[in-house]
Amino acid sequence: MEVIGIVTSISTSDGVFNLVVSDKDKAITHLKIMPNEAENIKIGKAYSFKYEAVYGPERVSYRVTSFTNVEDLPFELQDETLRLFFKGSPLSIDDAEKEISKYIDKIDNPIIKDITKYLIDLYHDQYFIYPAAAKMHHAYIGGLAHHSIGMLHMSEGFIDNYPFLDKDYVYAGIMLHDIGKAIELSGAVHTEYTVKGQLLGHLVLGAIEISNAAAHLGYQNKEEAMLLEHMLISHHGVPQFGSPKKPLTAEALVLWYIDTIDSKFRVLGEELERTKNGEFTEAIGVIDKSKIYKPQ
């Protein structure tokens, strides 16, 4: 027998762990598992449990024979299964992949294109299934790619209006600006910040990845690699928001502004959906704790 679901509680009795598992239809299954087998099971995580019936003198109990964390399933199954239990991006993985590929193809500079494609391919699974943050914005399955795609769409207006912007850097900077979150975050759901993420942060981690990619591809002494690194370490704009450097190119500056707009407006949209017409939202942290009015 098998059940796929979220572990909602764990208790102990008679030397075993008792798991309460809720499937996609909210049906409850009670399972028993030995303590040494349950060390990596966490409340709130989704698992696939295989189990067998154990017949006692008064009742039947169910003992786990094996289990798999859904986040360890093959990529396609992982995304499909997690979306049964957790909020996901409005874009399917297939649509997100096609959109990112479309923008990679729009890059003319071969060095910028090669570095971008190399890193998207290297961190493909994390890029398309991880959230963009643990709590702040795009904090759902596929949020990392969804955030970048929203920024790419927004960038078209900036590029049309300001012809001095180099579209290759703008597109690449947007697609790669949060690539460090593939290392900074621990997983697709209930994500936490890794030790490396806490000590270095995704801006620095992303710049390191660009440096490594450039070295791997033979571009380590090229200006394109250096300017992409600058875009990543400066995309939070100012030191108090975590940027080691302020943006010092036009493309780095527009990356900061577009990132700020998309992260704030995505949260605002979610708050407005929960707010009745003629009322104010709750205080929104990413907008200086402002309460925004929703017209009748």
Protein backbone atom coordinates (compact mmCIF):
# COMPACT_ATOMS: atom_id res chain seq x y z
CA MET A 1 0.00 0.00 0.00
CA GLU A 2 1.10 3.58 -0.62
CA VAL A 3 0.08 7.10 0.38
CA ILE A 4 1.51 10.43 -0.73
CA GLY A 5 0.87 13.24 1.67
CA ILE A 6 2.03 15.83 4.16
CA VAL A 7 3.07 14.79 7.66
CA THR A 8 0.87 16.90 9.93
CA SER A 9 1.99 15.53 13.30
CA ILE A 10 4.50 13.17 14.90
CA SER A 11 4.13 11.56 18.31
CA THR A 12 5.70 8.63 20.12
CA SER A 13 4.29 5.64 21.99
CA ASP A 14 5.41 2.08 22.67
CA GLY A 15 8.87 2.88 21.29
CA VAL A 16 7.65 3.85 17.82
CA PHE A 17 6.82 7.08 16.01
CA ASN A 18 3.20 7.71 15.08
CA LEU A 19 2.75 9.76 11.91
CA VAL A 20 -0.43 11.50 10.80
CA VAL A 21 -0.37 11.89 7.01
CA SER A 22 -2.84 14.03 5.04
CA ASP A 23 -3.18 13.28 1.31
CA LYS A 24 -4.28 15.68 -1.45
CA ASP A 25 -7.94 15.08 -0.60
CA LYS A 26 -7.29 15.74 3.13
CA ALA A 27 -7.87 12.06 3.92
CA ILE A 28 -5.90 11.00 6.99
CA THR A 29 -3.67 7.94 7.29
CA HIS A 30 -2.06 6.89 10.59
CA LEU A 31 1.31 5.22 10.18
CA LYS A 32 3.89 3.77 12.54
CA ILE A 33 7.64 3.90 11.96
CA MET A 34 10.70 3.01 14.01
CA PRO A 35 12.62 6.00 15.51
CA ASN A 36 15.86 5.28 13.61
CA GLU A 37 13.91 5.28 10.33
CA ALA A 38 12.14 8.56 11.04
CA GLU A 39 15.14 10.81 11.73
CA ASN A 40 14.71 12.80 8.50
CA ILE A 41 10.92 13.09 8.56
CA LYS A 42 9.69 16.61 9.30
CA ILE A 43 6.24 18.02 9.96
CA GLY A 44 4.94 19.98 6.97
CA LYS A 45 6.99 18.08 4.40
CA ALA A 46 5.47 15.82 1.73
CA TYR A 47 6.48 12.17 1.42
CA SER A 48 5.56 9.03 -0.45
CA PHE A 49 5.06 6.26 2.13
CA LYS A 50 4.83 2.56 1.38
CA TYR A 51 3.34 0.59 4.25
CA GLU A 52 1.89 -2.74 5.30
CA ALA A 53 -0.88 -3.81 7.63
CA VAL A 54 0.08 -5.29 10.99
CA TYR A 55 -2.76 -7.26 12.62
CA GLY A 56 -2.93 -7.10 16.40
CA PRO A 57 -5.34 -8.77 18.82
CA GLU A 58 -7.62 -5.72 18.93
CA ARG A 59 -6.91 -3.60 15.85
CA VAL A 60 -4.96 -3.23 12.65
CA SER A 61 -2.06 -0.79 12.49
CA TYR A 62 -0.01 0.29 9.52
CA ARG A 63 3.79 0.16 9.52
CA VAL A 64 5.99 2.09 7.11
CA THR A 65 8.21 -0.15 5.01
CA SER A 66 9.90 2.64 3.00
CA PHE A 67 9.46 6.31 2.22
CA THR A 68 10.73 9.01 -0.13
CA ASN A 69 10.77 12.74 0.36
CA VAL A 70 8.81 14.20 -2.56
CA GLU A 71 11.64 16.72 -3.03
CA ASP A 72 13.91 13.77 -3.87
CA LEU A 73 11.69 12.52 -6.71
CA PRO A 74 12.71 13.09 -10.35
CA PHE A 75 12.23 16.74 -11.31
CA GLU A 76 8.98 16.43 -13.29
CA LEU A 77 7.31 14.19 -10.68
CA GLN A 78 8.57 16.42 -7.88
CA ASP A 79 6.97 19.55 -9.33
CA GLU A 80 3.70 17.81 -10.20
CA THR A 81 3.39 16.19 -6.77
CA LEU A 82 4.37 19.22 -4.70
CA ARG A 83 1.74 21.32 -6.46
CA LEU A 84 -0.92 18.96 -5.09
CA PHE A 85 -0.11 20.23 -1.59
CA PHE A 86 1.57 23.62 -1.86
CA LYS A 87 0.97 26.88 -3.69
CA GLY A 88 2.74 27.06 -7.03
CA SER A 89 3.57 29.59 -9.71
CA PRO A 90 0.75 30.34 -12.19
CA LEU A 91 3.18 29.21 -14.90
CA SER A 92 3.74 25.54 -15.58
CA ILE A 93 7.34 24.40 -15.64
CA ASP A 94 7.05 23.80 -19.38
CA ASP A 95 5.84 27.37 -19.98
CA ALA A 96 8.53 28.80 -17.70
CA GLU A 97 11.27 26.84 -19.49
CA LYS A 98 10.05 28.02 -22.89
CA GLU A 99 9.93 31.65 -21.76
CA ILE A 100 13.44 31.58 -20.33
CA SER A 101 14.75 29.86 -23.46
CA LYS A 102 13.11 32.55 -25.60
CA TYR A 103 14.99 35.29 -23.76
CA ILE A 104 18.31 33.42 -23.85
CA ASP A 105 17.86 33.24 -27.62
CA LYS A 106 17.36 37.03 -27.72
CA ILE A 107 20.89 37.61 -26.38
CA ASP A 108 23.28 38.40 -29.24
CA ASN A 109 26.60 38.65 -27.40
CA PRO A 110 28.00 35.07 -27.44
CA ILE A 111 29.88 35.45 -24.14
CA ILE A 112 26.85 36.74 -22.25
CA LYS A 113 24.64 34.10 -23.85
CA ASP A 114 27.03 31.24 -23.07
CA ILE A 115 27.39 32.22 -19.40
CA THR A 116 23.64 32.65 -18.99
CA LYS A 117 22.75 29.35 -20.63
CA TYR A 118 25.48 27.48 -18.77
CA LEU A 119 24.23 28.60 -15.34
CA ILE A 120 20.53 28.09 -16.13
CA ASP A 121 21.36 24.55 -17.28
CA LEU A 122 23.64 23.90 -14.30
CA TYR A 123 20.96 24.88 -11.77
CA HIS A 124 17.98 23.94 -13.92
CA ASP A 125 15.95 22.03 -11.33
CA GLN A 126 16.42 24.57 -8.55
CA TYR A 127 15.83 27.49 -10.93
CA PHE A 128 12.46 26.20 -12.08
CA ILE A 129 11.09 24.74 -8.84
CA TYR A 130 12.53 26.81 -5.97
CA PRO A 131 10.71 29.82 -4.53
CA ALA A 132 12.31 33.25 -4.86
CA ALA A 133 12.33 33.67 -1.08
CA ALA A 134 11.38 31.88 2.11
CA LYS A 135 8.70 34.43 2.99
CA MET A 136 9.08 37.87 1.39
CA HIS A 137 7.99 37.53 -2.27
CA HIS A 138 7.30 34.83 -4.85
CA ALA A 139 7.46 32.41 -1.92
CA TYR A 140 5.92 29.46 -3.74
CA ILE A 141 6.92 26.55 -5.96
CA GLY A 142 8.41 27.90 -9.17
CA GLY A 143 8.59 31.42 -7.74
CA LEU A 144 12.24 31.89 -8.63
CA ALA A 145 11.66 31.50 -12.38
CA HIS A 146 8.29 33.29 -12.22
CA HIS A 147 9.98 36.32 -10.64
CA SER A 148 12.63 36.44 -13.37
CA ILE A 149 10.03 36.04 -16.13
CA GLY A 150 7.93 38.87 -14.71
CA MET A 151 11.04 41.06 -14.68
CA LEU A 152 11.91 40.09 -18.26
CA HIS A 153 8.45 41.13 -19.45
CA MET A 154 8.75 44.43 -17.60
CA SER A 155 12.21 45.09 -19.03
CA GLU A 156 10.86 45.31 -22.58
CA GLY A 157 9.31 48.71 -21.86
CA PHE A 158 12.55 50.02 -20.35
CA ILE A 159 14.59 48.83 -23.33
CA ASP A 160 12.13 50.39 -25.78
CA ASN A 161 12.08 53.70 -23.93
CA TYR A 162 15.80 53.94 -23.17
CA PRO A 163 17.77 52.82 -26.25
CA PHE A 164 21.10 53.30 -24.44
CA LEU A 165 20.37 50.15 -22.42
CA ASP A 166 22.17 47.04 -23.68
CA LYS A 167 19.43 44.42 -23.87
CA ASP A 168 21.92 41.55 -23.61
CA TYR A 169 23.06 42.63 -20.15
CA VAL A 170 19.52 43.46 -19.07
CA TYR A 171 18.13 40.06 -20.08
CA ALA A 172 21.10 38.11 -18.69
CA GLY A 173 21.22 40.12 -15.46
CA ILE A 174 17.54 39.48 -14.86
CA MET A 175 17.75 35.76 -15.57
CA LEU A 176 20.84 35.33 -13.38
CA HIS A 177 20.26 37.90 -10.63
CA ASP A 178 18.87 35.31 -8.20
CA ILE A 179 20.84 32.26 -9.39
CA GLY A 180 22.64 32.30 -6.03
CA LYS A 181 19.36 31.32 -4.38
CA ALA A 182 19.88 27.83 -5.77
CA ILE A 183 22.61 27.65 -3.12
CA GLU A 184 21.23 30.10 -0.56
CA LEU A 185 17.92 28.23 -0.10
CA SER A 186 17.49 24.67 1.12
CA GLY A 187 14.61 23.41 -1.01
CA ALA A 188 11.33 23.93 -2.83
CA VAL A 189 8.96 24.06 0.16
CA HIS A 190 9.35 25.21 3.77
CA THR A 191 12.71 26.42 2.57
CA GLU A 192 15.35 27.64 4.99
CA TYR A 193 18.57 29.54 4.49
CA THR A 194 21.65 27.33 4.23
CA VAL A 195 24.80 28.07 6.21
CA LYS A 196 26.51 29.30 3.04
CA GLY A 197 23.43 31.36 2.24
CA GLN A 198 23.49 33.04 5.63
CA LEU A 199 27.23 33.69 5.56
CA LEU A 200 27.58 34.86 1.95
CA GLY A 201 24.10 35.64 0.61
CA HIS A 202 22.75 35.10 -2.89
CA LEU A 203 24.28 38.29 -4.36
CA VAL A 204 27.82 37.16 -3.60
CA LEU A 205 27.06 33.51 -4.34
CA GLY A 206 25.65 34.48 -7.73
CA ALA A 207 28.71 36.56 -8.59
CA ILE A 208 30.94 33.63 -7.63
CA GLU A 209 28.92 31.36 -9.91
CA ILE A 210 29.38 33.78 -12.81
CA SER A 211 33.12 33.87 -12.14
CA ASN A 212 33.25 30.07 -12.05
CA ALA A 213 31.17 29.80 -15.23
CA ALA A 214 33.38 32.30 -17.02
CA ALA A 215 36.49 30.36 -16.01
CA HIS A 216 34.93 27.08 -17.13
CA LEU A 217 33.97 28.58 -20.50
CA GLY A 218 37.28 30.39 -21.02
CA TYR A 219 35.88 33.88 -20.47
CA GLN A 220 37.49 34.71 -17.12
CA ASN A 221 39.31 37.81 -18.43
CA LYS A 222 36.38 39.18 -20.44
CA GLU A 223 34.65 42.42 -19.52
CA GLU A 224 31.26 40.79 -20.07
CA ALA A 225 31.86 38.42 -17.14
CA MET A 226 33.00 41.26 -14.88
CA LEU A 227 29.96 43.41 -15.71
CA LEU A 228 27.58 40.51 -15.06
CA GLU A 229 29.28 39.95 -11.70
CA HIS A 230 28.80 43.64 -10.93
CA MET A 231 25.11 43.43 -11.81
CA LEU A 232 24.62 40.59 -9.37
CA ILE A 233 26.47 42.07 -6.41
CA SER A 234 24.73 45.43 -6.87
CA HIS A 235 21.15 44.40 -7.62
CA HIS A 236 19.86 45.25 -4.13
CA GLY A 237 20.95 48.80 -4.82
CA VAL A 238 22.40 49.99 -1.53
CA PRO A 239 24.45 48.52 1.33
CA GLN A 240 21.58 48.50 3.84
CA PHE A 241 19.73 46.07 1.56
CA GLY A 242 22.76 43.81 1.19
CA SER A 243 24.55 45.12 -1.91
CA PRO A 244 28.36 45.20 -1.55
CA LYS A 245 28.40 47.84 -4.33
CA LYS A 246 25.90 50.35 -5.66
CA PRO A 247 24.88 49.90 -9.31
CA LEU A 248 27.51 51.60 -11.49
CA THR A 249 26.26 50.73 -14.98
CA ALA A 250 22.95 51.64 -16.59
CA GLU A 251 22.02 47.96 -16.84
CA ALA A 252 22.85 47.30 -13.19
CA LEU A 253 20.72 50.28 -12.20
CA VAL A 254 17.69 49.18 -14.21
CA LEU A 255 18.07 45.63 -12.81
CA TRP A 256 17.77 47.03 -9.27
CA TYR A 257 14.66 49.05 -10.12
CA ILE A 258 12.92 46.24 -12.01
CA ASP A 259 13.71 43.73 -9.25
CA THR A 260 12.33 46.13 -6.64
CA ILE A 261 9.13 46.76 -8.59
CA ASP A 262 8.36 43.11 -9.33
CA SER A 263 9.07 41.88 -5.80
CA LYS A 264 6.90 44.58 -4.21
CA PHE A 265 4.03 44.49 -6.70
CA ARG A 266 3.71 40.70 -6.62
CA VAL A 267 3.22 40.87 -2.85
CA LEU A 268 0.83 43.81 -3.27
CA GLY A 269 -1.24 41.83 -5.76
CA GLU A 270 -1.52 38.89 -3.37
CA GLU A 271 -2.63 41.22 -0.56
CA LEU A 272 -5.22 42.93 -2.77
CA GLU A 273 -6.69 39.53 -3.68
CA ARG A 274 -7.35 38.95 0.02
CA THR A 275 -8.80 42.42 0.56
CA LYS A 276 -12.42 43.43 0.05
CA ASN A 277 -13.29 46.40 -2.14
CA GLY A 278 -13.51 49.60 -0.14
CA GLU A 279 -11.06 48.36 2.49
CA PHE A 280 -7.33 48.63 3.17
CA THR A 281 -4.88 45.75 3.00
CA GLU A 282 -2.99 44.61 6.04
CA ALA A 283 0.35 46.36 6.57
CA ILE A 284 2.67 45.18 3.79
CA GLY A 285 6.23 44.67 4.97
CA VAL A 286 7.92 45.06 1.58
CA ILE A 287 6.16 48.41 1.04
CA ASP A 288 7.38 50.01 4.27
CA LYS A 289 4.46 48.42 6.15
CA SER A 290 1.98 50.59 4.24
CA LYS A 291 -1.73 49.71 4.08
CA ILE A 292 -3.01 50.05 0.50
CA TYR A 293 -6.62 50.97 -0.26
CA LYS A 294 -8.61 48.82 -2.69
CA PRO A 295 -11.20 50.98 -4.48
CA GLN A 296 -14.85 49.95 -4.48
